[in-house]
Protein backbone atom coordinates (compact mmCIF):
# COMPACT_ATOMS: atom_id res chain seq x y z
CA MET A 1 -3.87 11.75 -7.58
CA LEU A 2 -4.98 7.94 -7.91
CA LEU A 3 -8.30 6.67 -7.04
CA ILE A 4 -7.29 3.14 -4.97
CA THR A 5 -10.24 0.42 -4.51
CA CYS A 6 -9.32 -0.89 -1.01
CA PRO A 7 -10.89 -4.47 -0.71
CA HIS A 8 -12.27 -3.69 2.83
CA CYS A 9 -13.23 0.11 2.32
CA GLY A 10 -13.97 0.64 -1.42
CA PRO A 11 -12.49 3.62 -3.67
CA ARG A 12 -10.36 5.95 -1.69
CA ALA A 13 -8.01 8.79 -2.47
CA GLN A 14 -4.26 8.21 -2.83
CA ALA A 15 -3.77 10.46 0.15
CA GLU A 16 -4.81 7.73 2.33
CA PHE A 17 -2.25 5.19 1.23
CA VAL A 18 1.38 4.82 1.50
CA TYR A 19 3.67 3.41 -0.61
CA GLU A 20 6.09 0.80 0.69
CA ARG A 21 8.03 -0.87 -2.22
CA THR A 22 7.57 -3.03 -5.11
CA VAL A 23 7.08 -6.94 -4.44
CA ASP A 24 10.12 -7.99 -5.86
CA SER A 25 12.46 -6.10 -3.80
CA VAL A 26 11.24 -7.85 -0.70
CA VAL A 27 14.25 -9.71 1.08
CA PRO A 28 13.46 -12.93 2.30
CA PRO A 29 14.77 -13.23 6.05
CA ASP A 30 17.80 -15.82 5.19
CA ALA A 31 19.12 -14.17 2.37
CA ASP A 32 22.84 -13.56 1.59
CA PRO A 33 23.79 -9.97 2.25
CA ALA A 34 24.79 -9.14 -1.30
CA LEU A 35 21.40 -10.60 -2.68
CA ALA A 36 19.56 -8.52 -0.08
CA MET A 37 21.75 -5.47 -1.43
CA GLU A 38 21.20 -6.34 -4.93
CA LEU A 39 16.88 -6.76 -4.14
CA LEU A 40 17.15 -3.56 -2.12
CA PHE A 41 19.10 -1.15 -4.04
CA THR A 42 19.09 -2.23 -8.17
CA ARG A 43 16.32 -1.49 -10.10
CA ALA A 44 15.46 -2.06 -13.60
CA ASN A 45 12.54 0.02 -13.77
CA PRO A 46 10.99 -1.25 -16.66
CA ARG A 47 7.61 0.16 -18.29
CA GLY A 48 4.60 -1.92 -17.91
CA LEU A 49 2.74 -3.91 -15.15
CA ASP A 50 4.65 -3.90 -11.62
CA GLU A 51 3.27 -5.35 -8.11
CA GLU A 52 3.91 -2.66 -5.62
CA ILE A 53 3.12 -3.01 -1.64
CA TRP A 54 0.92 -0.27 -0.01
CA ARG A 55 -0.61 0.41 3.03
CA HIS A 56 -4.15 2.00 3.67
CA THR A 57 -2.53 3.92 6.36
CA TYR A 58 -5.34 6.61 7.19
CA GLY A 59 -8.17 3.81 6.42
CA CYS A 60 -8.40 0.13 7.56
CA ARG A 61 -4.60 0.08 7.79
CA ALA A 62 -4.51 -3.13 5.61
CA TRP A 63 -1.33 -4.08 3.74
CA LEU A 64 -2.11 -4.14 -0.34
CA VAL A 65 -0.47 -5.45 -3.44
CA MET A 66 -1.34 -3.12 -6.06
CA THR A 67 -0.67 -4.06 -9.85
CA ARG A 68 -0.31 -0.70 -12.04
CA HIS A 69 1.11 0.30 -14.82
CA ARG A 70 4.25 2.28 -14.35
CA ALA A 71 3.93 4.54 -17.27
CA THR A 72 -0.09 5.30 -17.33
CA HIS A 73 -0.56 4.62 -13.60
CA ALA A 74 -3.56 2.46 -14.76
CA ILE A 75 -4.43 0.27 -11.78
CA GLN A 76 -5.24 -3.28 -12.79
CA ASP A 77 -5.84 -5.16 -9.55
CA VAL A 78 -5.55 -4.41 -5.75
CA ARG A 79 -5.58 -7.10 -3.23
CA ALA A 80 -5.25 -7.50 0.67
CA VAL A 81 -2.31 -9.52 2.16
CA GLY A 82 -1.26 -10.21 5.34
CA PRO A 83 -3.52 -10.79 8.58
CA GLU A 84 -6.17 -8.36 7.13
CA ALA A 85 -6.52 -10.44 3.75
CA LEU A 86 -9.81 -11.68 3.07
CA PRO A 87 -10.39 -15.49 3.18
């Protein structure tokens, strides 16, 4: 289990969080349907660092972007995004 440091709540167990998707798979509202399908369903899945979107669902409910190594699962950075982000 990962220990994720929420910017608002501090270190918490992974069980409090829900994984959403990688940042590069977010589809812009005005995207062409073919591009949207490619972003949503085509993955290169490389080893190394990747940015992922998580939600602290069973805590402060903030949306987070986590930079995590795909092979080792080492977390490099966690930052809040959206209306819950700290100024």
